[in-house]
Amino acid sequence: MPIISGTTCYLLAYIITHIDLMVLRKKYPNYPRSYKSPLFPLPQIIGIAGMVYAFINNSPTPELRLNVFINVAIFIGVTAVFAFCWVKFKIKKNLFEPEAIEQAIKD
């Protein structure tokens, strides 16, 4: 069950990556890139749909599904608290404060 929970967290991270790609591609359409995804945004939408399907049907038995989702929620919650503390107290920035892409790349 821990492996299934870990792969489910990976699916969530990969879904967020696809969403980030779409947002950045729309927000900065002319920014130079080393690679552009062909047929944008079709592969990302298909990928997100497939990962959501895998996320929902991830456990070998229906009885384990709730346990997997609880483990994922605990891990995501702990990670969110850590990220909040890191941004607020270590980096000393406000949450959800936008940063220029040039500054993000430089850092």
Protein backbone atom coordinates (compact mmCIF):
# COMPACT_ATOMS: atom_id res chain seq x y z
CA MET A 1 0.00 0.00 0.00
CA PRO A 2 2.84 2.52 0.60
CA ILE A 3 4.00 2.06 -2.98
CA ILE A 4 0.51 2.75 -4.31
CA SER A 5 0.28 5.85 -2.10
CA GLY A 6 3.66 7.04 -3.37
CA THR A 7 2.74 6.56 -7.00
CA THR A 8 -0.53 8.38 -6.38
CA CYS A 9 1.42 11.35 -5.01
CA TYR A 10 3.59 11.16 -8.13
CA LEU A 11 0.44 11.30 -10.29
CA LEU A 12 -0.68 14.45 -8.45
CA ALA A 13 2.71 16.06 -8.98
CA TYR A 14 2.66 15.16 -12.66
CA ILE A 15 -0.88 16.59 -13.06
CA ILE A 16 0.35 19.84 -11.49
CA THR A 17 3.31 19.83 -13.89
CA HIS A 18 0.98 19.56 -16.89
CA ILE A 19 -1.15 22.42 -15.55
CA ASP A 20 1.99 24.52 -14.95
CA LEU A 21 3.12 23.89 -18.52
CA MET A 22 -0.22 25.06 -19.90
CA VAL A 23 -0.31 28.17 -17.69
CA LEU A 24 3.26 29.21 -18.51
CA ARG A 25 2.75 28.55 -22.22
CA LYS A 26 -0.31 30.84 -22.20
CA LYS A 27 1.23 33.48 -19.93
CA TYR A 28 4.56 33.69 -21.81
CA PRO A 29 3.80 32.58 -25.37
CA ASN A 30 6.88 34.18 -26.94
CA TYR A 31 9.44 33.25 -24.28
CA PRO A 32 12.32 31.25 -25.83
CA ARG A 33 12.18 27.53 -25.03
CA SER A 34 14.46 24.65 -25.83
CA TYR A 35 11.45 22.42 -26.54
CA LYS A 36 7.80 23.04 -27.36
CA SER A 37 5.21 20.35 -26.88
CA PRO A 38 3.62 19.49 -30.23
CA LEU A 39 -0.17 19.80 -30.63
CA PHE A 40 -0.36 21.93 -27.48
CA PRO A 41 -2.52 21.54 -25.28
CA LEU A 42 -3.94 18.22 -26.52
CA PRO A 43 -1.21 15.95 -25.05
CA GLN A 44 -1.46 17.72 -21.71
CA ILE A 45 -5.25 17.39 -21.55
CA ILE A 46 -5.12 13.71 -22.54
CA GLY A 47 -2.34 13.15 -20.01
CA ILE A 48 -4.28 14.83 -17.21
CA ALA A 49 -7.40 12.82 -18.04
CA GLY A 50 -5.44 9.56 -18.02
CA MET A 51 -3.73 10.40 -14.75
CA VAL A 52 -7.03 11.34 -13.09
CA TYR A 53 -8.42 7.98 -14.23
CA ALA A 54 -5.38 6.18 -12.79
CA PHE A 55 -5.67 8.23 -9.59
CA ILE A 56 -9.29 7.20 -9.09
CA ASN A 57 -8.66 3.53 -9.93
CA ASN A 58 -5.26 3.15 -8.30
CA SER A 59 -5.81 0.49 -5.64
CA PRO A 60 -5.92 -3.26 -6.24
CA THR A 61 -9.09 -3.63 -4.19
CA PRO A 62 -11.88 -1.17 -3.39
CA GLU A 63 -11.30 -1.75 0.33
CA LEU A 64 -7.78 -0.28 0.11
CA ARG A 65 -8.81 2.82 -1.84
CA LEU A 66 -9.74 4.85 1.25
CA ASN A 67 -6.47 3.94 2.99
CA VAL A 68 -4.48 5.02 -0.05
CA PHE A 69 -6.31 8.34 -0.23
CA ILE A 70 -5.78 8.93 3.50
CA ASN A 71 -2.03 8.28 3.11
CA VAL A 72 -1.88 10.65 0.14
CA ALA A 73 -3.78 13.35 2.04
CA ILE A 74 -1.44 13.03 5.03
CA PHE A 75 1.66 13.25 2.82
CA ILE A 76 0.33 16.21 0.84
CA GLY A 77 -0.70 17.94 4.08
CA VAL A 78 2.73 17.49 5.68
CA THR A 79 4.41 18.66 2.47
CA ALA A 80 2.15 21.73 2.30
CA VAL A 81 2.96 22.69 5.90
CA PHE A 82 6.68 22.28 5.22
CA ALA A 83 6.43 24.34 2.01
CA PHE A 84 4.47 27.06 3.82
CA CYS A 85 7.08 27.30 6.58
CA TRP A 86 9.94 27.27 4.06
CA VAL A 87 8.48 30.08 1.96
CA LYS A 88 7.33 32.18 4.91
CA PHE A 89 10.29 31.84 7.27
CA LYS A 90 13.32 30.68 5.25
CA ILE A 91 12.79 32.51 1.95
CA LYS A 92 10.78 35.29 3.64
CA LYS A 93 8.28 35.84 0.84
CA ASN A 94 4.52 36.05 0.78
CA LEU A 95 2.62 33.02 -0.37
CA PHE A 96 1.35 33.11 -3.96
CA GLU A 97 3.34 36.26 -4.67
CA PRO A 98 4.08 36.25 -8.41
CA GLU A 99 7.67 36.47 -9.49
CA ALA A 100 8.97 37.56 -12.88
CA ILE A 101 10.09 34.64 -15.03
CA GLU A 102 13.51 36.21 -15.49
CA GLN A 103 14.01 36.29 -11.71
CA ALA A 104 12.79 32.71 -11.31
CA ILE A 105 15.21 31.47 -13.96
CA LYS A 106 18.08 33.47 -12.45
CA ASP A 107 17.46 32.00 -8.98
